[in-house]
N, C-alpha and C. Protein backbone atom coordinates (compact mmCIF):
# COMPACT_ATOMS: atom_id res chain seq x y z
N MET A 1 -1.41 28.33 -27.30
CA MET A 1 -1.57 26.92 -27.50
C MET A 1 -3.00 26.47 -27.31
N ALA A 2 -3.82 27.30 -26.70
CA ALA A 2 -5.20 26.95 -26.50
C ALA A 2 -5.99 27.08 -27.80
N GLU A 3 -5.41 27.68 -28.81
CA GLU A 3 -6.07 27.86 -30.09
C GLU A 3 -5.96 26.57 -30.90
N GLU A 4 -6.83 26.46 -31.90
CA GLU A 4 -6.77 25.30 -32.78
C GLU A 4 -5.62 25.49 -33.76
N THR A 5 -4.94 24.41 -34.06
CA THR A 5 -3.84 24.45 -35.01
C THR A 5 -4.19 23.51 -36.15
N LYS A 6 -4.08 24.01 -37.38
CA LYS A 6 -4.43 23.18 -38.53
C LYS A 6 -3.17 22.63 -39.16
N GLY A 7 -3.20 21.34 -39.43
CA GLY A 7 -2.10 20.67 -40.10
C GLY A 7 -2.60 20.15 -41.43
N GLU A 8 -2.00 19.15 -41.94
CA GLU A 8 -2.41 18.57 -43.20
C GLU A 8 -3.58 17.62 -42.98
N GLY A 9 -4.79 18.11 -43.11
CA GLY A 9 -5.97 17.26 -43.05
C GLY A 9 -6.48 16.93 -41.66
N PHE A 10 -5.94 17.50 -40.62
CA PHE A 10 -6.46 17.23 -39.29
C PHE A 10 -6.34 18.48 -38.43
N VAL A 11 -7.14 18.49 -37.36
CA VAL A 11 -7.17 19.64 -36.45
C VAL A 11 -6.75 19.17 -35.07
N ILE A 12 -5.87 19.92 -34.43
CA ILE A 12 -5.43 19.61 -33.08
C ILE A 12 -5.97 20.68 -32.16
N LYS A 13 -6.68 20.27 -31.13
CA LYS A 13 -7.22 21.22 -30.17
C LYS A 13 -6.70 20.85 -28.78
N ASP A 14 -6.15 21.82 -28.09
CA ASP A 14 -5.63 21.61 -26.75
C ASP A 14 -6.81 21.55 -25.78
N ARG A 15 -7.04 20.40 -25.16
CA ARG A 15 -8.19 20.22 -24.26
C ARG A 15 -7.89 20.64 -22.83
N ARG A 16 -6.67 21.04 -22.56
CA ARG A 16 -6.34 21.46 -21.20
C ARG A 16 -7.03 22.76 -20.84
N PHE A 17 -7.41 23.50 -21.83
CA PHE A 17 -8.06 24.79 -21.60
C PHE A 17 -9.45 24.75 -22.22
N THR A 18 -10.37 25.50 -21.66
CA THR A 18 -11.72 25.58 -22.20
C THR A 18 -12.00 27.01 -22.63
N ASP A 19 -13.16 27.22 -23.23
CA ASP A 19 -13.54 28.56 -23.67
C ASP A 19 -14.08 29.40 -22.52
N GLU A 20 -14.17 28.82 -21.34
CA GLU A 20 -14.68 29.56 -20.19
C GLU A 20 -13.67 30.61 -19.76
N PRO A 21 -14.14 31.65 -19.06
CA PRO A 21 -13.20 32.66 -18.59
C PRO A 21 -12.15 32.04 -17.67
N GLU A 22 -11.06 32.74 -17.52
CA GLU A 22 -9.94 32.21 -16.74
C GLU A 22 -10.15 32.31 -15.24
N HIS A 23 -11.33 32.62 -14.78
CA HIS A 23 -11.62 32.72 -13.35
C HIS A 23 -11.62 31.32 -12.76
N LYS A 24 -10.70 31.07 -11.90
CA LYS A 24 -10.63 29.78 -11.22
C LYS A 24 -10.76 30.02 -9.73
N GLU A 25 -11.41 29.07 -9.07
CA GLU A 25 -11.55 29.19 -7.62
C GLU A 25 -10.19 29.06 -6.97
N GLU A 26 -9.93 29.92 -6.03
CA GLU A 26 -8.67 29.86 -5.31
C GLU A 26 -8.73 28.68 -4.34
N PRO A 27 -7.75 27.79 -4.37
CA PRO A 27 -7.76 26.68 -3.43
C PRO A 27 -7.52 27.17 -2.00
N ALA A 28 -8.02 26.38 -1.06
CA ALA A 28 -7.82 26.71 0.35
C ALA A 28 -6.32 26.65 0.63
N PRO A 29 -5.86 27.43 1.59
CA PRO A 29 -4.43 27.40 1.90
C PRO A 29 -3.98 25.98 2.22
N ALA A 30 -3.00 25.52 1.50
CA ALA A 30 -2.50 24.17 1.67
C ALA A 30 -1.59 24.10 2.89
N GLN A 31 -1.46 22.89 3.41
CA GLN A 31 -0.55 22.70 4.53
C GLN A 31 0.87 22.94 4.02
N GLU A 32 1.74 23.34 4.93
CA GLU A 32 3.11 23.62 4.53
C GLU A 32 3.76 22.36 4.00
N LYS A 33 4.47 22.52 2.90
CA LYS A 33 5.18 21.39 2.31
C LYS A 33 6.53 21.24 2.98
N SER A 34 6.93 20.00 3.15
CA SER A 34 8.25 19.78 3.72
C SER A 34 9.31 20.10 2.68
N ALA A 35 10.51 20.34 3.11
CA ALA A 35 11.59 20.75 2.21
C ALA A 35 11.92 19.68 1.19
N GLY A 36 11.68 18.42 1.51
CA GLY A 36 12.06 17.33 0.62
C GLY A 36 11.05 17.03 -0.46
N GLU A 37 9.87 17.64 -0.44
CA GLU A 37 8.85 17.32 -1.42
C GLU A 37 9.14 17.98 -2.75
N ALA A 38 8.77 17.29 -3.81
CA ALA A 38 8.99 17.83 -5.15
C ALA A 38 8.00 18.94 -5.42
N THR A 39 8.41 19.86 -6.28
CA THR A 39 7.51 20.92 -6.69
C THR A 39 7.22 20.74 -8.16
N GLY A 40 6.09 21.29 -8.60
CA GLY A 40 5.72 21.17 -9.99
C GLY A 40 4.25 20.83 -10.10
N SER A 41 3.80 20.58 -11.32
CA SER A 41 2.38 20.35 -11.55
C SER A 41 1.88 19.06 -10.92
N GLY A 42 2.69 18.01 -10.83
CA GLY A 42 2.25 16.75 -10.27
C GLY A 42 2.46 16.65 -8.77
N ALA A 43 3.09 17.64 -8.16
CA ALA A 43 3.40 17.58 -6.73
C ALA A 43 2.15 17.60 -5.88
N GLU A 44 1.13 18.32 -6.33
CA GLU A 44 -0.10 18.40 -5.54
C GLU A 44 -0.76 17.03 -5.40
N ALA A 45 -0.68 16.21 -6.44
CA ALA A 45 -1.30 14.89 -6.41
C ALA A 45 -0.55 13.93 -5.49
N ARG A 46 0.75 14.13 -5.31
CA ARG A 46 1.55 13.21 -4.49
C ARG A 46 1.80 13.74 -3.10
N GLU A 47 1.23 14.87 -2.74
CA GLU A 47 1.49 15.50 -1.46
C GLU A 47 1.22 14.59 -0.26
N ASP A 48 0.15 13.82 -0.32
CA ASP A 48 -0.28 13.03 0.82
C ASP A 48 0.46 11.71 0.95
N TYR A 49 1.26 11.35 -0.02
CA TYR A 49 1.94 10.07 0.00
C TYR A 49 3.35 10.20 0.55
N PRO A 50 3.79 9.20 1.32
CA PRO A 50 5.18 9.25 1.81
C PRO A 50 6.14 9.02 0.64
N SER A 51 7.39 9.34 0.85
CA SER A 51 8.37 9.15 -0.21
C SER A 51 8.49 7.66 -0.54
N VAL A 52 8.86 7.39 -1.78
CA VAL A 52 9.00 6.01 -2.23
C VAL A 52 10.43 5.58 -1.97
N ASN A 53 10.57 4.62 -1.06
CA ASN A 53 11.89 4.06 -0.79
C ASN A 53 11.70 2.63 -0.27
N PHE A 54 12.79 1.94 -0.09
CA PHE A 54 12.74 0.54 0.30
C PHE A 54 12.07 0.35 1.66
N THR A 55 12.39 1.22 2.60
CA THR A 55 11.82 1.11 3.95
C THR A 55 10.30 1.21 3.92
N ASN A 56 9.78 2.20 3.20
CA ASN A 56 8.32 2.36 3.13
C ASN A 56 7.67 1.19 2.39
N PHE A 57 8.36 0.62 1.42
CA PHE A 57 7.83 -0.54 0.70
C PHE A 57 7.70 -1.74 1.63
N VAL A 58 8.72 -2.00 2.42
CA VAL A 58 8.69 -3.12 3.37
C VAL A 58 7.60 -2.89 4.42
N ILE A 59 7.49 -1.67 4.91
CA ILE A 59 6.45 -1.35 5.90
C ILE A 59 5.06 -1.53 5.30
N SER A 60 4.91 -1.14 4.04
CA SER A 60 3.62 -1.31 3.36
C SER A 60 3.25 -2.79 3.25
N LEU A 61 4.21 -3.62 2.88
CA LEU A 61 3.94 -5.06 2.79
C LEU A 61 3.63 -5.65 4.17
N SER A 62 4.33 -5.21 5.19
CA SER A 62 4.06 -5.75 6.53
C SER A 62 2.69 -5.29 7.03
N THR A 63 2.29 -4.08 6.69
CA THR A 63 0.95 -3.60 7.07
C THR A 63 -0.11 -4.42 6.36
N SER A 64 0.16 -4.77 5.11
CA SER A 64 -0.77 -5.62 4.37
C SER A 64 -0.92 -6.98 5.06
N ALA A 65 0.18 -7.53 5.53
CA ALA A 65 0.12 -8.81 6.24
C ALA A 65 -0.68 -8.67 7.53
N LEU A 66 -0.48 -7.58 8.26
CA LEU A 66 -1.23 -7.36 9.50
C LEU A 66 -2.72 -7.23 9.21
N PHE A 67 -3.06 -6.60 8.09
CA PHE A 67 -4.46 -6.51 7.70
C PHE A 67 -5.04 -7.91 7.47
N HIS A 68 -4.28 -8.76 6.79
CA HIS A 68 -4.75 -10.12 6.51
C HIS A 68 -4.76 -10.99 7.76
N PHE A 69 -4.00 -10.63 8.77
CA PHE A 69 -4.10 -11.33 10.06
C PHE A 69 -5.41 -10.96 10.76
N GLY A 70 -6.06 -9.91 10.32
CA GLY A 70 -7.32 -9.49 10.94
C GLY A 70 -7.13 -8.42 11.99
N ASP A 71 -6.00 -7.73 11.96
CA ASP A 71 -5.73 -6.70 12.96
C ASP A 71 -6.54 -5.43 12.73
N PHE A 72 -6.95 -5.19 11.49
CA PHE A 72 -7.70 -3.98 11.17
C PHE A 72 -9.11 -4.37 10.73
N PRO A 73 -10.14 -3.83 11.38
CA PRO A 73 -11.51 -4.18 10.98
C PRO A 73 -11.88 -3.54 9.64
N GLU A 74 -12.80 -4.18 8.95
CA GLU A 74 -13.33 -3.62 7.70
C GLU A 74 -14.00 -2.29 8.01
N THR A 75 -13.96 -1.36 7.10
CA THR A 75 -14.54 -0.04 7.35
C THR A 75 -16.06 -0.09 7.40
N GLU A 76 -16.68 -0.88 6.55
CA GLU A 76 -18.14 -0.92 6.51
C GLU A 76 -18.73 -1.89 7.53
N GLY A 77 -18.26 -3.11 7.52
CA GLY A 77 -18.83 -4.14 8.38
C GLY A 77 -18.37 -4.07 9.82
N GLY A 78 -17.20 -3.56 10.04
CA GLY A 78 -16.67 -3.45 11.39
C GLY A 78 -16.06 -4.72 11.92
N LYS A 79 -16.04 -5.80 11.13
CA LYS A 79 -15.44 -7.04 11.61
C LYS A 79 -14.16 -7.32 10.83
N ALA A 80 -13.23 -7.96 11.48
CA ALA A 80 -11.95 -8.28 10.85
C ALA A 80 -11.92 -9.76 10.52
N GLU A 81 -11.51 -10.07 9.31
CA GLU A 81 -11.42 -11.47 8.89
C GLU A 81 -9.96 -11.84 8.65
N LYS A 82 -9.62 -13.08 9.02
CA LYS A 82 -8.27 -13.57 8.79
C LYS A 82 -8.19 -14.19 7.40
N ASN A 83 -7.07 -13.96 6.74
CA ASN A 83 -6.81 -14.55 5.44
C ASN A 83 -5.37 -15.05 5.46
N LEU A 84 -5.18 -16.22 6.06
CA LEU A 84 -3.82 -16.75 6.24
C LEU A 84 -3.10 -17.06 4.93
N PRO A 85 -3.79 -17.52 3.87
CA PRO A 85 -3.06 -17.69 2.60
C PRO A 85 -2.48 -16.37 2.07
N ALA A 86 -3.20 -15.27 2.25
CA ALA A 86 -2.69 -13.96 1.82
C ALA A 86 -1.50 -13.54 2.68
N VAL A 87 -1.54 -13.88 3.97
CA VAL A 87 -0.41 -13.59 4.86
C VAL A 87 0.81 -14.37 4.39
N LYS A 88 0.62 -15.65 4.09
CA LYS A 88 1.72 -16.50 3.62
C LYS A 88 2.32 -15.94 2.34
N GLN A 89 1.46 -15.48 1.43
CA GLN A 89 1.95 -14.91 0.18
C GLN A 89 2.78 -13.65 0.43
N THR A 90 2.33 -12.80 1.33
CA THR A 90 3.06 -11.58 1.65
C THR A 90 4.40 -11.91 2.30
N ILE A 91 4.42 -12.90 3.18
CA ILE A 91 5.68 -13.33 3.80
C ILE A 91 6.63 -13.87 2.73
N ASP A 92 6.09 -14.64 1.78
CA ASP A 92 6.92 -15.17 0.70
C ASP A 92 7.50 -14.05 -0.17
N ILE A 93 6.70 -13.01 -0.42
CA ILE A 93 7.17 -11.86 -1.20
C ILE A 93 8.31 -11.16 -0.46
N LEU A 94 8.12 -10.95 0.84
CA LEU A 94 9.17 -10.30 1.63
C LEU A 94 10.43 -11.17 1.68
N ASP A 95 10.25 -12.49 1.78
CA ASP A 95 11.39 -13.41 1.81
C ASP A 95 12.16 -13.36 0.48
N MET A 96 11.41 -13.34 -0.63
CA MET A 96 12.04 -13.24 -1.94
C MET A 96 12.79 -11.91 -2.08
N LEU A 97 12.16 -10.84 -1.62
CA LEU A 97 12.77 -9.52 -1.67
C LEU A 97 14.05 -9.49 -0.84
N ASN A 98 14.04 -10.15 0.30
CA ASN A 98 15.22 -10.24 1.15
C ASN A 98 16.35 -10.96 0.42
N GLU A 99 16.02 -12.06 -0.25
CA GLU A 99 17.05 -12.83 -0.97
C GLU A 99 17.60 -12.04 -2.16
N LYS A 100 16.72 -11.38 -2.90
CA LYS A 100 17.15 -10.67 -4.11
C LYS A 100 17.95 -9.40 -3.81
N THR A 101 17.74 -8.83 -2.63
CA THR A 101 18.44 -7.59 -2.30
C THR A 101 19.63 -7.82 -1.37
N LYS A 102 19.94 -9.07 -1.10
CA LYS A 102 21.05 -9.39 -0.19
C LYS A 102 22.35 -8.75 -0.70
N GLY A 103 23.01 -8.01 0.19
CA GLY A 103 24.25 -7.34 -0.16
C GLY A 103 24.07 -5.95 -0.76
N ASN A 104 22.84 -5.57 -1.06
CA ASN A 104 22.58 -4.26 -1.67
C ASN A 104 21.86 -3.30 -0.73
N LEU A 105 21.65 -3.71 0.52
CA LEU A 105 20.91 -2.88 1.47
C LEU A 105 21.87 -2.27 2.48
N ASP A 106 21.48 -1.11 3.01
CA ASP A 106 22.27 -0.57 4.11
C ASP A 106 21.86 -1.31 5.39
N GLN A 107 22.55 -1.05 6.47
CA GLN A 107 22.32 -1.79 7.72
C GLN A 107 20.90 -1.63 8.24
N ASN A 108 20.35 -0.42 8.18
CA ASN A 108 18.98 -0.19 8.68
C ASN A 108 17.95 -0.95 7.86
N GLU A 109 18.09 -0.94 6.53
CA GLU A 109 17.15 -1.65 5.67
C GLU A 109 17.23 -3.15 5.89
N ASP A 110 18.46 -3.66 6.03
CA ASP A 110 18.66 -5.08 6.28
C ASP A 110 18.04 -5.50 7.60
N ASN A 111 18.26 -4.71 8.64
CA ASN A 111 17.66 -5.01 9.95
C ASN A 111 16.14 -4.95 9.89
N LEU A 112 15.61 -3.98 9.15
CA LEU A 112 14.16 -3.84 9.05
C LEU A 112 13.53 -5.06 8.40
N ILE A 113 14.02 -5.46 7.24
CA ILE A 113 13.38 -6.57 6.53
C ILE A 113 13.54 -7.88 7.31
N LYS A 114 14.68 -8.08 7.94
CA LYS A 114 14.87 -9.30 8.73
C LYS A 114 13.97 -9.30 9.96
N GLY A 115 13.83 -8.15 10.61
CA GLY A 115 12.96 -8.05 11.78
C GLY A 115 11.50 -8.25 11.42
N VAL A 116 11.07 -7.64 10.32
CA VAL A 116 9.68 -7.79 9.87
C VAL A 116 9.40 -9.24 9.52
N LEU A 117 10.33 -9.87 8.79
CA LEU A 117 10.14 -11.28 8.43
C LEU A 117 10.05 -12.16 9.66
N TYR A 118 10.92 -11.94 10.64
CA TYR A 118 10.90 -12.74 11.86
C TYR A 118 9.55 -12.60 12.57
N GLU A 119 9.11 -11.36 12.76
CA GLU A 119 7.84 -11.12 13.47
C GLU A 119 6.66 -11.74 12.73
N LEU A 120 6.61 -11.56 11.41
CA LEU A 120 5.49 -12.10 10.64
C LEU A 120 5.49 -13.62 10.62
N LYS A 121 6.67 -14.23 10.50
CA LYS A 121 6.75 -15.70 10.49
C LYS A 121 6.33 -16.28 11.84
N MET A 122 6.78 -15.67 12.94
CA MET A 122 6.39 -16.16 14.26
C MET A 122 4.88 -16.02 14.47
N ARG A 123 4.34 -14.91 14.03
CA ARG A 123 2.89 -14.69 14.16
C ARG A 123 2.12 -15.68 13.29
N TYR A 124 2.62 -15.95 12.10
CA TYR A 124 1.95 -16.89 11.20
C TYR A 124 1.91 -18.28 11.81
N VAL A 125 3.03 -18.72 12.38
CA VAL A 125 3.07 -20.04 13.02
C VAL A 125 2.08 -20.09 14.18
N LYS A 126 2.02 -19.03 14.96
CA LYS A 126 1.10 -18.97 16.10
C LYS A 126 -0.35 -19.02 15.63
N GLU A 127 -0.68 -18.27 14.59
CA GLU A 127 -2.06 -18.22 14.08
C GLU A 127 -2.45 -19.53 13.40
N LYS A 128 -1.49 -20.18 12.77
CA LYS A 128 -1.76 -21.43 12.05
C LYS A 128 -2.04 -22.57 13.03
N ALA A 129 -1.42 -22.53 14.22
CA ALA A 129 -1.57 -23.62 15.20
C ALA A 129 -2.92 -23.62 15.86
């Protein structure tokens, strides 16, 4: 497939391969993969990311809200800035998600989103005052 294939009036060349010798650098020994990780050509790119599920999505949104509260300093400047409108937007997104998924979550997911919403709303009221 690395060869050129001629069709009617056009040439198709597979760019995944080059004319260079097949000598490739051996990668450093990778960390052991957990049993739940997917295998295949795209698995290496997703190795560092946690699995995609509702719990991780809610935690990601709550972490975003904590960042906008100023809990995490900027990497370059070293200072943390508050962005309360962004916090309010994230709380609204979580609230909408809670309403739209009502009745479709297991007990742990339901407790998680309700707990996160409660904590973020209380913190928002405290920061706003």
